[in-house]
């Protein structure tokens, strides 16, 4: 599992690039934590599912 916290506005391009890199590295689950918008994005890279908490 990989978790990252961001203190800046994350663009869609940044999000896509990170997901691609982590999937290639065989990371199974990835959480993006955005404190500015008070959101947590969870990606299951094995099943390609995602959801927002």
PDB file of N, CA and C in Angstrom:
ATOM      1  N   UNK A   1       0.848  -1.170   0.000  1.00  0.00           N
ATOM      2  CA  UNK A   1       0.000   0.000   0.000  1.00  0.00           C
ATOM      3  C   UNK A   1       0.894   1.233   0.000  1.00  0.00           C
ATOM      4  N   UNK A   2       0.488   2.225  -0.760  1.00  0.00           N
ATOM      5  CA  UNK A   2       1.209   3.489  -0.841  1.00  0.00           C
ATOM      6  C   UNK A   2       0.241   4.598  -0.465  1.00  0.00           C
ATOM      7  N   UNK A   3       0.689   5.520   0.371  1.00  0.00           N
ATOM      8  CA  UNK A   3      -0.134   6.687   0.737  1.00  0.00           C
ATOM      9  C   UNK A   3       0.681   7.942   0.510  1.00  0.00           C
ATOM     10  N   UNK A   4       0.044   8.963  -0.043  1.00  0.00           N
ATOM     11  CA  UNK A   4       0.703  10.252  -0.241  1.00  0.00           C
ATOM     12  C   UNK A   4      -0.237  11.358   0.170  1.00  0.00           C
ATOM     13  N   UNK A   5       0.324  12.389   0.790  1.00  0.00           N
ATOM     14  CA  UNK A   5      -0.457  13.559   1.152  1.00  0.00           C
ATOM     15  C   UNK A   5       0.039  14.731   0.312  1.00  0.00           C
ATOM     16  N   UNK A   6      -0.904  15.498  -0.200  1.00  0.00           N
ATOM     17  CA  UNK A   6      -0.570  16.619  -1.059  1.00  0.00           C
ATOM     18  C   UNK A   6      -0.990  17.922  -0.405  1.00  0.00           C
ATOM     19  N   UNK A   7      -0.145  18.934  -0.523  1.00  0.00           N
ATOM     20  CA  UNK A   7      -0.456  20.244   0.014  1.00  0.00           C
ATOM     21  C   UNK A   7      -0.689  21.259  -1.096  1.00  0.00           C
ATOM     22  N   UNK A   8      -0.854  20.801  -2.290  1.00  0.00           N
ATOM     23  CA  UNK A   8      -1.096  21.674  -3.433  1.00  0.00           C
ATOM     24  C   UNK A   8      -2.175  21.044  -4.300  1.00  0.00           C
ATOM     25  N   UNK A   9      -2.669  21.831  -5.223  1.00  0.00           N
ATOM     26  CA  UNK A   9      -3.721  21.320  -6.107  1.00  0.00           C
ATOM     27  C   UNK A   9      -3.132  20.303  -7.081  1.00  0.00           C
ATOM     28  N   UNK A  10      -3.592  19.089  -6.987  1.00  0.00           N
ATOM     29  CA  UNK A  10      -3.100  17.995  -7.826  1.00  0.00           C
ATOM     30  C   UNK A  10      -3.881  17.982  -9.138  1.00  0.00           C
ATOM     31  N   UNK A  11      -3.163  18.012 -10.249  1.00  0.00           N
ATOM     32  CA  UNK A  11      -3.832  17.999 -11.543  1.00  0.00           C
ATOM     33  C   UNK A  11      -4.161  16.567 -11.958  1.00  0.00           C
ATOM     34  N   UNK A  12      -5.063  16.417 -12.884  1.00  0.00           N
ATOM     35  CA  UNK A  12      -5.424  15.098 -13.409  1.00  0.00           C
ATOM     36  C   UNK A  12      -4.205  14.433 -14.047  1.00  0.00           C
ATOM     37  N   UNK A  13      -3.373  15.215 -14.715  1.00  0.00           N
ATOM     38  CA  UNK A  13      -2.170  14.666 -15.346  1.00  0.00           C
ATOM     39  C   UNK A  13      -1.220  14.094 -14.291  1.00  0.00           C
ATOM     40  N   UNK A  14      -1.046  14.804 -13.167  1.00  0.00           N
ATOM     41  CA  UNK A  14      -0.200  14.309 -12.070  1.00  0.00           C
ATOM     42  C   UNK A  14      -0.750  13.004 -11.524  1.00  0.00           C
ATOM     43  N   UNK A  15      -2.054  12.968 -11.322  1.00  0.00           N
ATOM     44  CA  UNK A  15      -2.712  11.785 -10.764  1.00  0.00           C
ATOM     45  C   UNK A  15      -2.528  10.583 -11.698  1.00  0.00           C
ATOM     46  N   UNK A  16      -2.733  10.794 -12.987  1.00  0.00           N
ATOM     47  CA  UNK A  16      -2.600   9.724 -13.974  1.00  0.00           C
ATOM     48  C   UNK A  16      -1.166   9.214 -14.044  1.00  0.00           C
ATOM     49  N   UNK A  17      -0.199  10.126 -14.030  1.00  0.00           N
ATOM     50  CA  UNK A  17       1.209   9.746 -14.085  1.00  0.00           C
ATOM     51  C   UNK A  17       1.592   8.899 -12.871  1.00  0.00           C
ATOM     52  N   UNK A  18       1.188   9.320 -11.694  1.00  0.00           N
ATOM     53  CA  UNK A  18       1.512   8.567 -10.480  1.00  0.00           C
ATOM     54  C   UNK A  18       0.868   7.183 -10.497  1.00  0.00           C
ATOM     55  N   UNK A  19      -0.389   7.116 -10.897  1.00  0.00           N
ATOM     56  CA  UNK A  19      -1.070   5.820 -10.943  1.00  0.00           C
ATOM     57  C   UNK A  19      -0.370   4.862 -11.900  1.00  0.00           C
ATOM     58  N   UNK A  20       0.059   5.360 -13.039  1.00  0.00           N
ATOM     59  CA  UNK A  20       0.761   4.531 -14.025  1.00  0.00           C
ATOM     60  C   UNK A  20       2.079   4.021 -13.456  1.00  0.00           C
ATOM     61  N   UNK A  21       2.841   4.902 -12.809  1.00  0.00           N
ATOM     62  CA  UNK A  21       4.121   4.497 -12.228  1.00  0.00           C
ATOM     63  C   UNK A  21       3.931   3.459 -11.134  1.00  0.00           C
ATOM     64  N   UNK A  22       2.962   3.663 -10.269  1.00  0.00           N
ATOM     65  CA  UNK A  22       2.748   2.734  -9.161  1.00  0.00           C
ATOM     66  C   UNK A  22       2.216   1.391  -9.655  1.00  0.00           C
ATOM     67  N   UNK A  23       1.399   1.421 -10.679  1.00  0.00           N
ATOM     68  CA  UNK A  23       0.898   0.160 -11.224  1.00  0.00           C
ATOM     69  C   UNK A  23       2.051  -0.652 -11.827  1.00  0.00           C
ATOM     70  N   UNK A  24       2.955   0.003 -12.530  1.00  0.00           N
ATOM     71  CA  UNK A  24       4.125  -0.679 -13.093  1.00  0.00           C
ATOM     72  C   UNK A  24       5.018  -1.261 -11.998  1.00  0.00           C
ATOM     73  N   UNK A  25       5.061  -0.577 -10.853  1.00  0.00           N
ATOM     74  CA  UNK A  25       5.878  -1.040  -9.722  1.00  0.00           C
ATOM     75  C   UNK A  25       5.140  -2.087  -8.887  1.00  0.00           C
ATOM     76  N   UNK A  26       3.944  -2.470  -9.338  1.00  0.00           N
ATOM     77  CA  UNK A  26       3.123  -3.494  -8.687  1.00  0.00           C
ATOM     78  C   UNK A  26       2.637  -3.107  -7.297  1.00  0.00           C
ATOM     79  N   UNK A  27       2.398  -1.805  -7.117  1.00  0.00           N
ATOM     80  CA  UNK A  27       1.753  -1.344  -5.888  1.00  0.00           C
ATOM     81  C   UNK A  27       0.294  -1.762  -5.994  1.00  0.00           C
ATOM     82  N   UNK A  28      -0.223  -2.417  -4.971  1.00  0.00           N
ATOM     83  CA  UNK A  28      -1.587  -2.948  -5.044  1.00  0.00           C
ATOM     84  C   UNK A  28      -2.650  -1.908  -4.702  1.00  0.00           C
ATOM     85  N   UNK A  29      -2.360  -1.046  -3.736  1.00  0.00           N
ATOM     86  CA  UNK A  29      -3.355  -0.053  -3.322  1.00  0.00           C
ATOM     87  C   UNK A  29      -2.649   1.269  -3.102  1.00  0.00           C
ATOM     88  N   UNK A  30      -3.282   2.342  -3.540  1.00  0.00           N
ATOM     89  CA  UNK A  30      -2.681   3.673  -3.474  1.00  0.00           C
ATOM     90  C   UNK A  30      -3.718   4.654  -2.966  1.00  0.00           C
ATOM     91  N   UNK A  31      -3.351   5.429  -1.952  1.00  0.00           N
ATOM     92  CA  UNK A  31      -4.241   6.453  -1.396  1.00  0.00           C
ATOM     93  C   UNK A  31      -3.635   7.819  -1.658  1.00  0.00           C
ATOM     94  N   UNK A  32      -4.405   8.725  -2.235  1.00  0.00           N
ATOM     95  CA  UNK A  32      -4.005  10.120  -2.396  1.00  0.00           C
ATOM     96  C   UNK A  32      -4.809  10.936  -1.388  1.00  0.00           C
ATOM     97  N   UNK A  33      -4.111  11.616  -0.506  1.00  0.00           N
ATOM     98  CA  UNK A  33      -4.759  12.405   0.537  1.00  0.00           C
ATOM     99  C   UNK A  33      -4.595  13.874   0.185  1.00  0.00           C
ATOM    100  N   UNK A  34      -5.704  14.566   0.032  1.00  0.00           N
ATOM    101  CA  UNK A  34      -5.700  15.980  -0.336  1.00  0.00           C
ATOM    102  C   UNK A  34      -6.302  16.781   0.815  1.00  0.00           C
ATOM    103  N   UNK A  35      -5.454  17.346   1.704  1.00  0.00           N
ATOM    104  CA  UNK A  35      -5.969  18.074   2.861  1.00  0.00           C
ATOM    105  C   UNK A  35      -6.643  19.396   2.494  1.00  0.00           C
ATOM    106  N   UNK A  36      -6.277  19.984   1.351  1.00  0.00           N
ATOM    107  CA  UNK A  36      -6.890  21.246   0.940  1.00  0.00           C
ATOM    108  C   UNK A  36      -8.382  21.072   0.665  1.00  0.00           C
ATOM    109  N   UNK A  37      -8.742  19.972   0.035  1.00  0.00           N
ATOM    110  CA  UNK A  37     -10.138  19.700  -0.294  1.00  0.00           C
ATOM    111  C   UNK A  37     -10.780  18.693   0.660  1.00  0.00           C
ATOM    112  N   UNK A  38      -9.998  18.252   1.667  1.00  0.00           N
ATOM    113  CA  UNK A  38     -10.477  17.280   2.662  1.00  0.00           C
ATOM    114  C   UNK A  38     -11.037  16.028   1.993  1.00  0.00           C
ATOM    115  N   UNK A  39     -10.227  15.460   1.101  1.00  0.00           N
ATOM    116  CA  UNK A  39     -10.632  14.262   0.361  1.00  0.00           C
ATOM    117  C   UNK A  39      -9.526  13.216   0.409  1.00  0.00           C
ATOM    118  N   UNK A  40      -9.941  11.972   0.343  1.00  0.00           N
ATOM    119  CA  UNK A  40      -9.013  10.851   0.218  1.00  0.00           C
ATOM    120  C   UNK A  40      -9.475  10.034  -0.982  1.00  0.00           C
ATOM    121  N   UNK A  41      -8.584   9.828  -1.926  1.00  0.00           N
ATOM    122  CA  UNK A  41      -8.870   9.012  -3.097  1.00  0.00           C
ATOM    123  C   UNK A  41      -8.159   7.676  -2.913  1.00  0.00           C
ATOM    124  N   UNK A  42      -8.878   6.593  -3.034  1.00  0.00           N
ATOM    125  CA  UNK A  42      -8.307   5.259  -2.856  1.00  0.00           C
ATOM    126  C   UNK A  42      -8.390   4.517  -4.184  1.00  0.00           C
ATOM    127  N   UNK A  43      -7.260   3.981  -4.621  1.00  0.00           N
ATOM    128  CA  UNK A  43      -7.187   3.253  -5.879  1.00  0.00           C
ATOM    129  C   UNK A  43      -6.725   1.832  -5.606  1.00  0.00           C
ATOM    130  N   UNK A  44      -7.484   0.851  -6.057  1.00  0.00           N
ATOM    131  CA  UNK A  44      -7.082  -0.549  -6.007  1.00  0.00           C
ATOM    132  C   UNK A  44      -6.500  -0.862  -7.377  1.00  0.00           C
ATOM    133  N   UNK A  45      -5.197  -0.943  -7.453  1.00  0.00           N
ATOM    134  CA  UNK A  45      -4.532  -1.087  -8.748  1.00  0.00           C
ATOM    135  C   UNK A  45      -4.580  -2.507  -9.292  1.00  0.00           C
ATOM    136  N   UNK A  46      -4.996  -3.473  -8.479  1.00  0.00           N
ATOM    137  CA  UNK A  46      -5.170  -4.836  -8.982  1.00  0.00           C
ATOM    138  C   UNK A  46      -6.486  -4.980  -9.736  1.00  0.00           C
ATOM    139  N   UNK A  47      -7.539  -4.354  -9.227  1.00  0.00           N
ATOM    140  CA  UNK A  47      -8.859  -4.471  -9.852  1.00  0.00           C
ATOM    141  C   UNK A  47      -9.234  -3.245 -10.670  1.00  0.00           C
ATOM    142  N   UNK A  48      -8.389  -2.200 -10.622  1.00  0.00           N
ATOM    143  CA  UNK A  48      -8.622  -0.934 -11.342  1.00  0.00           C
ATOM    144  C   UNK A  48      -9.880  -0.229 -10.839  1.00  0.00           C
ATOM    145  N   UNK A  49     -10.196  -0.392  -9.567  1.00  0.00           N
ATOM    146  CA  UNK A  49     -11.332   0.311  -8.967  1.00  0.00           C
ATOM    147  C   UNK A  49     -10.820   1.493  -8.178  1.00  0.00           C
ATOM    148  N   UNK A  50     -11.644   2.516  -8.072  1.00  0.00           N
ATOM    149  CA  UNK A  50     -11.287   3.671  -7.261  1.00  0.00           C
ATOM    150  C   UNK A  50     -12.535   4.200  -6.578  1.00  0.00           C
ATOM    151  N   UNK A  51     -12.303   4.898  -5.469  1.00  0.00           N
ATOM    152  CA  UNK A  51     -13.411   5.544  -4.768  1.00  0.00           C
ATOM    153  C   UNK A  51     -12.874   6.692  -3.939  1.00  0.00           C
ATOM    154  N   UNK A  52     -13.763   7.576  -3.581  1.00  0.00           N
ATOM    155  CA  UNK A  52     -13.422   8.764  -2.824  1.00  0.00           C
ATOM    156  C   UNK A  52     -14.040   8.640  -1.447  1.00  0.00           C
ATOM    157  N   UNK A  53     -13.248   8.958  -0.421  1.00  0.00           N
ATOM    158  CA  UNK A  53     -13.746   8.917   0.949  1.00  0.00           C
ATOM    159  C   UNK A  53     -13.973  10.349   1.399  1.00  0.00           C
TER     160      UNK A  53
END
